[in-house]
Amino acid sequence: MPIGTFALFGVLTFLLARAAKLGVKFDAFGFATLGLAISGLQALLDQGQQLDWFGSVKIRIEATPAVLSLIFFLVHTALPASVRFSSMNC
């Protein structure tokens, strides 16, 4: 865990500094949903064979947020910024 924390800190530090120079905004929602999808898929694949894949409640619980996060990421990436929910003025 500490190595991952340091890696995330380093990436965000350099990524945000470079993005500021180029005038590009960091998409935190897209980054978070992709990270959740990948980590949920990794947990599912790591323990799937031991727990009888989708016969286990734990695997289904791990798969649900992974699939939902992947769907959110794909929809968020496919839609232009002007249509996304976060930029709507309600």
C-alpha atoms as a PDB file:
ATOM      1  CA  MET A   1       0.000   0.000   0.000  1.00  0.00           C
ATOM      2  CA  PRO A   2       2.690   2.621   0.792  1.00  0.00           C
ATOM      3  CA  ILE A   3       4.376   2.116  -2.591  1.00  0.00           C
ATOM      4  CA  GLY A   4       1.058   2.651  -4.359  1.00  0.00           C
ATOM      5  CA  THR A   5       0.429   5.801  -2.332  1.00  0.00           C
ATOM      6  CA  PHE A   6       3.821   7.244  -3.240  1.00  0.00           C
ATOM      7  CA  ALA A   7       3.317   6.300  -6.887  1.00  0.00           C
ATOM      8  CA  LEU A   8      -0.101   7.984  -6.965  1.00  0.00           C
ATOM      9  CA  PHE A   9       1.321  11.103  -5.318  1.00  0.00           C
ATOM     10  CA  GLY A  10       4.168  11.248  -7.832  1.00  0.00           C
ATOM     11  CA  VAL A  11       1.951  10.715 -10.850  1.00  0.00           C
ATOM     12  CA  LEU A  12      -0.577  13.313  -9.726  1.00  0.00           C
ATOM     13  CA  THR A  13       2.143  15.826  -8.925  1.00  0.00           C
ATOM     14  CA  PHE A  14       3.827  15.579 -12.309  1.00  0.00           C
ATOM     15  CA  LEU A  15       0.619  15.070 -14.251  1.00  0.00           C
ATOM     16  CA  LEU A  16      -1.055  18.139 -12.759  1.00  0.00           C
ATOM     17  CA  ALA A  17       2.066  20.252 -13.279  1.00  0.00           C
ATOM     18  CA  ARG A  18       2.313  19.229 -16.929  1.00  0.00           C
ATOM     19  CA  ALA A  19      -1.420  19.621 -17.511  1.00  0.00           C
ATOM     20  CA  ALA A  20      -1.289  23.141 -16.080  1.00  0.00           C
ATOM     21  CA  LYS A  21       1.425  24.063 -18.587  1.00  0.00           C
ATOM     22  CA  LEU A  22      -0.587  22.681 -21.487  1.00  0.00           C
ATOM     23  CA  GLY A  23      -3.908  24.091 -20.283  1.00  0.00           C
ATOM     24  CA  VAL A  24      -5.498  20.643 -19.924  1.00  0.00           C
ATOM     25  CA  LYS A  25      -7.742  19.762 -16.984  1.00  0.00           C
ATOM     26  CA  PHE A  26      -7.356  16.504 -15.064  1.00  0.00           C
ATOM     27  CA  ASP A  27     -10.464  14.330 -15.302  1.00  0.00           C
ATOM     28  CA  ALA A  28     -10.740  13.064 -11.726  1.00  0.00           C
ATOM     29  CA  PHE A  29     -14.094  11.342 -12.270  1.00  0.00           C
ATOM     30  CA  GLY A  30     -12.803   9.376 -15.257  1.00  0.00           C
ATOM     31  CA  PHE A  31      -9.608   8.475 -13.428  1.00  0.00           C
ATOM     32  CA  ALA A  32     -11.528   7.302 -10.348  1.00  0.00           C
ATOM     33  CA  THR A  33     -14.057   5.217 -12.266  1.00  0.00           C
ATOM     34  CA  LEU A  34     -11.354   3.551 -14.363  1.00  0.00           C
ATOM     35  CA  GLY A  35      -9.353   2.811 -11.203  1.00  0.00           C
ATOM     36  CA  LEU A  36     -12.385   1.276  -9.499  1.00  0.00           C
ATOM     37  CA  ALA A  37     -13.186  -0.838 -12.550  1.00  0.00           C
ATOM     38  CA  ILE A  38      -9.644  -2.172 -12.827  1.00  0.00           C
ATOM     39  CA  SER A  39      -9.260  -2.860  -9.102  1.00  0.00           C
ATOM     40  CA  GLY A  40     -12.647  -4.607  -8.931  1.00  0.00           C
ATOM     41  CA  LEU A  41     -11.758  -6.741 -11.937  1.00  0.00           C
ATOM     42  CA  GLN A  42      -8.410  -7.603 -10.380  1.00  0.00           C
ATOM     43  CA  ALA A  43     -10.071  -8.680  -7.117  1.00  0.00           C
ATOM     44  CA  LEU A  44     -12.611 -10.731  -9.057  1.00  0.00           C
ATOM     45  CA  LEU A  45      -9.931 -12.493 -11.104  1.00  0.00           C
ATOM     46  CA  ASP A  46      -7.652 -13.084  -8.104  1.00  0.00           C
ATOM     47  CA  GLN A  47     -10.284 -14.861  -6.025  1.00  0.00           C
ATOM     48  CA  GLY A  48     -12.671 -16.183  -8.676  1.00  0.00           C
ATOM     49  CA  GLN A  49     -11.324 -19.693  -9.046  1.00  0.00           C
ATOM     50  CA  GLN A  50     -10.998 -20.230  -5.296  1.00  0.00           C
ATOM     51  CA  LEU A  51     -14.544 -19.047  -4.590  1.00  0.00           C
ATOM     52  CA  ASP A  52     -16.346 -20.788  -7.491  1.00  0.00           C
ATOM     53  CA  TRP A  53     -16.650 -17.669  -9.661  1.00  0.00           C
ATOM     54  CA  PHE A  54     -20.200 -16.297  -9.735  1.00  0.00           C
ATOM     55  CA  GLY A  55     -21.496 -19.017  -7.447  1.00  0.00           C
ATOM     56  CA  SER A  56     -20.015 -16.978  -4.610  1.00  0.00           C
ATOM     57  CA  VAL A  57     -21.774 -13.943  -3.165  1.00  0.00           C
ATOM     58  CA  LYS A  58     -18.405 -12.249  -2.566  1.00  0.00           C
ATOM     59  CA  ILE A  59     -17.492 -12.456  -6.251  1.00  0.00           C
ATOM     60  CA  ARG A  60     -20.853 -10.998  -7.258  1.00  0.00           C
ATOM     61  CA  ILE A  61     -20.346  -8.168  -4.762  1.00  0.00           C
ATOM     62  CA  GLU A  62     -16.900  -7.463  -6.233  1.00  0.00           C
ATOM     63  CA  ALA A  63     -18.188  -7.675  -9.811  1.00  0.00           C
ATOM     64  CA  THR A  64     -21.068  -5.225  -9.337  1.00  0.00           C
ATOM     65  CA  PRO A  65     -19.031  -2.070  -8.612  1.00  0.00           C
ATOM     66  CA  ALA A  66     -16.436  -3.109 -11.188  1.00  0.00           C
ATOM     67  CA  VAL A  67     -19.046  -3.350 -13.946  1.00  0.00           C
ATOM     68  CA  LEU A  68     -20.862  -0.177 -12.858  1.00  0.00           C
ATOM     69  CA  SER A  69     -17.591   1.757 -12.710  1.00  0.00           C
ATOM     70  CA  LEU A  70     -16.629   0.541 -16.171  1.00  0.00           C
ATOM     71  CA  ILE A  71     -20.025   1.612 -17.534  1.00  0.00           C
ATOM     72  CA  PHE A  72     -19.709   5.050 -15.906  1.00  0.00           C
ATOM     73  CA  PHE A  73     -16.193   5.404 -17.321  1.00  0.00           C
ATOM     74  CA  LEU A  74     -17.248   4.451 -20.849  1.00  0.00           C
ATOM     75  CA  VAL A  75     -20.271   6.758 -20.840  1.00  0.00           C
ATOM     76  CA  HIS A  76     -18.253   9.599 -19.317  1.00  0.00           C
ATOM     77  CA  THR A  77     -15.511   9.163 -21.909  1.00  0.00           C
ATOM     78  CA  ALA A  78     -17.892   8.851 -24.860  1.00  0.00           C
ATOM     79  CA  LEU A  79     -19.953  11.950 -24.075  1.00  0.00           C
ATOM     80  CA  PRO A  80     -18.630  15.396 -24.932  1.00  0.00           C
ATOM     81  CA  ALA A  81     -17.895  17.691 -21.989  1.00  0.00           C
ATOM     82  CA  SER A  82     -20.871  19.919 -22.793  1.00  0.00           C
ATOM     83  CA  VAL A  83     -23.353  17.033 -22.269  1.00  0.00           C
ATOM     84  CA  ARG A  84     -21.920  15.499 -19.096  1.00  0.00           C
ATOM     85  CA  PHE A  85     -23.892  15.745 -15.878  1.00  0.00           C
ATOM     86  CA  SER A  86     -21.096  17.523 -13.990  1.00  0.00           C
ATOM     87  CA  SER A  87     -21.126  20.460 -16.406  1.00  0.00           C
ATOM     88  CA  MET A  88     -24.903  20.894 -16.496  1.00  0.00           C
ATOM     89  CA  ASN A  89     -26.268  24.015 -14.869  1.00  0.00           C
ATOM     90  CA  CYS A  90     -29.397  22.817 -13.058  1.00  0.00           C
END
